[in-house]
Amino acid sequence: SYSVPTWAQRISVSGDAVVPVANCDVKEYNSNPKEQLPFKEYIHYWKEYIKNGYRSSRGCLYLKDWHLSRAFPEQDVYTTPVYFSSDWLNEYWDAIAVDDYRFVYMGPKG
């Protein structure tokens, strides 16, 4: 069975994070338009999308390019896989505290 990840449901309760969401049913300039949604609203949408047979009047929304570890640094949500342990891009960005290359992508099937 396909469902919303448990960890995602825990984070949705812990704050009012705003996340970037792409509408996969719409194309603009060879890309999908993105909007900012409260994470809690996105999780609610996802659950309803599943309950409604993977359909919604809002289209298929996909959470894309969310900097989760930057938004919740106290939650230690990111560990570099051992095969990529020389994470030089993030080592650089962490040192100057400007950006990072840790993204979350998730959404319903479809």
C-alpha atoms as a PDB file:
ATOM      1  CA  SER A   1       0.000   0.000   0.000  1.00  0.00           C
ATOM      2  CA  TYR A   2       1.202   3.476  -0.858  1.00  0.00           C
ATOM      3  CA  SER A   3       1.026   6.093   1.883  1.00  0.00           C
ATOM      4  CA  VAL A   4       2.568   9.266   3.259  1.00  0.00           C
ATOM      5  CA  PRO A   5       5.914   8.467   4.960  1.00  0.00           C
ATOM      6  CA  THR A   6       5.709   8.324   8.765  1.00  0.00           C
ATOM      7  CA  TRP A   7       8.636  10.732   9.214  1.00  0.00           C
ATOM      8  CA  ALA A   8       6.849  13.267   7.001  1.00  0.00           C
ATOM      9  CA  GLN A   9       3.776  13.113   9.212  1.00  0.00           C
ATOM     10  CA  ARG A  10       5.927  13.723  12.312  1.00  0.00           C
ATOM     11  CA  ILE A  11       7.531  16.817  10.786  1.00  0.00           C
ATOM     12  CA  SER A  12       4.167  18.187   9.706  1.00  0.00           C
ATOM     13  CA  VAL A  13       3.130  18.329  13.346  1.00  0.00           C
ATOM     14  CA  SER A  14       6.322  20.032  14.520  1.00  0.00           C
ATOM     15  CA  GLY A  15       5.992  23.387  12.798  1.00  0.00           C
ATOM     16  CA  ASP A  16       4.644  25.572  10.067  1.00  0.00           C
ATOM     17  CA  ALA A  17       7.267  24.860   7.423  1.00  0.00           C
ATOM     18  CA  VAL A  18       6.523  26.166   3.942  1.00  0.00           C
ATOM     19  CA  VAL A  19       7.607  23.894   1.088  1.00  0.00           C
ATOM     20  CA  PRO A  20       8.050  24.208  -2.703  1.00  0.00           C
ATOM     21  CA  VAL A  21       5.442  22.156  -4.565  1.00  0.00           C
ATOM     22  CA  ALA A  22       5.344  21.508  -8.322  1.00  0.00           C
ATOM     23  CA  ASN A  23       2.119  20.851 -10.220  1.00  0.00           C
ATOM     24  CA  CYS A  24       3.013  17.881 -12.432  1.00  0.00           C
ATOM     25  CA  ASP A  25      -0.157  18.288 -14.520  1.00  0.00           C
ATOM     26  CA  VAL A  26       0.877  21.717 -15.850  1.00  0.00           C
ATOM     27  CA  LYS A  27       3.812  22.641 -18.105  1.00  0.00           C
ATOM     28  CA  GLU A  28       5.258  26.157 -18.304  1.00  0.00           C
ATOM     29  CA  TYR A  29       8.419  26.779 -20.300  1.00  0.00           C
ATOM     30  CA  ASN A  30       9.257  23.052 -20.316  1.00  0.00           C
ATOM     31  CA  SER A  31       8.931  22.866 -16.531  1.00  0.00           C
ATOM     32  CA  ASN A  32       6.243  22.477 -13.883  1.00  0.00           C
ATOM     33  CA  PRO A  33       5.111  25.645 -12.099  1.00  0.00           C
ATOM     34  CA  LYS A  34       5.872  25.700  -8.389  1.00  0.00           C
ATOM     35  CA  GLU A  35       4.046  27.257  -5.493  1.00  0.00           C
ATOM     36  CA  GLN A  36       4.810  27.523  -1.797  1.00  0.00           C
ATOM     37  CA  LEU A  37       2.478  25.573   0.511  1.00  0.00           C
ATOM     38  CA  PRO A  38       2.478  24.973   4.248  1.00  0.00           C
ATOM     39  CA  PHE A  39       3.852  21.454   4.764  1.00  0.00           C
ATOM     40  CA  LYS A  40       0.788  20.503   6.835  1.00  0.00           C
ATOM     41  CA  GLU A  41      -1.439  21.452   3.895  1.00  0.00           C
ATOM     42  CA  TYR A  42       0.692  19.382   1.517  1.00  0.00           C
ATOM     43  CA  ILE A  43       0.453  16.291   3.765  1.00  0.00           C
ATOM     44  CA  HIS A  44      -3.328  16.772   3.974  1.00  0.00           C
ATOM     45  CA  TYR A  45      -3.487  17.079   0.155  1.00  0.00           C
ATOM     46  CA  TRP A  46      -1.411  13.885  -0.249  1.00  0.00           C
ATOM     47  CA  LYS A  47      -3.669  11.859   2.055  1.00  0.00           C
ATOM     48  CA  GLU A  48      -6.790  13.119   0.245  1.00  0.00           C
ATOM     49  CA  TYR A  49      -5.185  12.391  -3.146  1.00  0.00           C
ATOM     50  CA  ILE A  50      -4.653   8.752  -2.119  1.00  0.00           C
ATOM     51  CA  LYS A  51      -8.142   8.480  -0.590  1.00  0.00           C
ATOM     52  CA  ASN A  52      -9.700   9.844  -3.828  1.00  0.00           C
ATOM     53  CA  GLY A  53      -8.109   7.183  -6.030  1.00  0.00           C
ATOM     54  CA  TYR A  54      -5.028   9.261  -6.901  1.00  0.00           C
ATOM     55  CA  ARG A  55      -7.047  12.179  -8.240  1.00  0.00           C
ATOM     56  CA  SER A  56      -7.489  15.797  -7.194  1.00  0.00           C
ATOM     57  CA  SER A  57      -8.929  18.956  -8.695  1.00  0.00           C
ATOM     58  CA  ARG A  58      -5.564  20.533  -7.793  1.00  0.00           C
ATOM     59  CA  GLY A  59      -3.700  18.077 -10.022  1.00  0.00           C
ATOM     60  CA  CYS A  60      -0.747  15.898  -9.059  1.00  0.00           C
ATOM     61  CA  LEU A  61       1.377  17.967  -6.673  1.00  0.00           C
ATOM     62  CA  TYR A  62       4.955  16.917  -5.967  1.00  0.00           C
ATOM     63  CA  LEU A  63       7.157  18.338  -3.228  1.00  0.00           C
ATOM     64  CA  LYS A  64      10.427  19.264  -4.954  1.00  0.00           C
ATOM     65  CA  ASP A  65      13.712  20.925  -3.920  1.00  0.00           C
ATOM     66  CA  TRP A  66      12.880  21.294  -0.219  1.00  0.00           C
ATOM     67  CA  HIS A  67      15.934  22.073   1.935  1.00  0.00           C
ATOM     68  CA  LEU A  68      14.631  20.013   4.871  1.00  0.00           C
ATOM     69  CA  SER A  69      17.909  19.770   6.784  1.00  0.00           C
ATOM     70  CA  ARG A  70      18.338  23.539   6.544  1.00  0.00           C
ATOM     71  CA  ALA A  71      14.740  24.138   7.697  1.00  0.00           C
ATOM     72  CA  PHE A  72      15.032  21.725  10.650  1.00  0.00           C
ATOM     73  CA  PRO A  73      18.744  21.637  11.631  1.00  0.00           C
ATOM     74  CA  GLU A  74      17.930  20.347  15.118  1.00  0.00           C
ATOM     75  CA  GLN A  75      16.274  17.191  13.738  1.00  0.00           C
ATOM     76  CA  ASP A  76      19.348  15.619  12.074  1.00  0.00           C
ATOM     77  CA  VAL A  77      17.340  14.370   9.094  1.00  0.00           C
ATOM     78  CA  TYR A  78      20.253  13.953   6.689  1.00  0.00           C
ATOM     79  CA  THR A  79      23.193  11.553   6.686  1.00  0.00           C
ATOM     80  CA  THR A  80      25.517  11.356   3.703  1.00  0.00           C
ATOM     81  CA  PRO A  81      25.539   7.791   2.329  1.00  0.00           C
ATOM     82  CA  VAL A  82      28.893   6.077   2.937  1.00  0.00           C
ATOM     83  CA  TYR A  83      29.671   5.866  -0.792  1.00  0.00           C
ATOM     84  CA  PHE A  84      29.411   9.639  -1.018  1.00  0.00           C
ATOM     85  CA  SER A  85      31.112  10.414   2.292  1.00  0.00           C
ATOM     86  CA  SER A  86      33.398  12.930   0.646  1.00  0.00           C
ATOM     87  CA  ASP A  87      30.514  15.387   0.345  1.00  0.00           C
ATOM     88  CA  TRP A  88      32.666  18.304  -0.785  1.00  0.00           C
ATOM     89  CA  LEU A  89      29.792  20.435  -2.078  1.00  0.00           C
ATOM     90  CA  ASN A  90      27.992  20.421   1.261  1.00  0.00           C
ATOM     91  CA  GLU A  91      31.254  20.721   3.192  1.00  0.00           C
ATOM     92  CA  TYR A  92      31.900  23.970   1.315  1.00  0.00           C
ATOM     93  CA  TRP A  93      28.375  25.348   1.731  1.00  0.00           C
ATOM     94  CA  ASP A  94      28.264  24.359   5.414  1.00  0.00           C
ATOM     95  CA  ALA A  95      31.562  26.175   6.017  1.00  0.00           C
ATOM     96  CA  ILE A  96      30.240  29.467   4.655  1.00  0.00           C
ATOM     97  CA  ALA A  97      26.648  28.900   5.910  1.00  0.00           C
ATOM     98  CA  VAL A  98      25.008  30.098   2.692  1.00  0.00           C
ATOM     99  CA  ASP A  99      23.336  27.145   0.970  1.00  0.00           C
ATOM    100  CA  ASP A 100      23.338  23.365   0.702  1.00  0.00           C
ATOM    101  CA  TYR A 101      22.749  20.565  -1.776  1.00  0.00           C
ATOM    102  CA  ARG A 102      20.432  18.491   0.419  1.00  0.00           C
ATOM    103  CA  PHE A 103      17.000  18.294  -1.137  1.00  0.00           C
ATOM    104  CA  VAL A 104      13.823  16.353  -0.430  1.00  0.00           C
ATOM    105  CA  TYR A 105      11.638  15.120  -3.271  1.00  0.00           C
ATOM    106  CA  MET A 106       8.407  13.311  -2.467  1.00  0.00           C
ATOM    107  CA  GLY A 107       4.833  12.951  -3.516  1.00  0.00           C
ATOM    108  CA  PRO A 108       2.040  10.638  -4.516  1.00  0.00           C
ATOM    109  CA  LYS A 109       2.291   8.187  -7.355  1.00  0.00           C
ATOM    110  CA  GLY A 110       1.060   9.436 -10.680  1.00  0.00           C
END
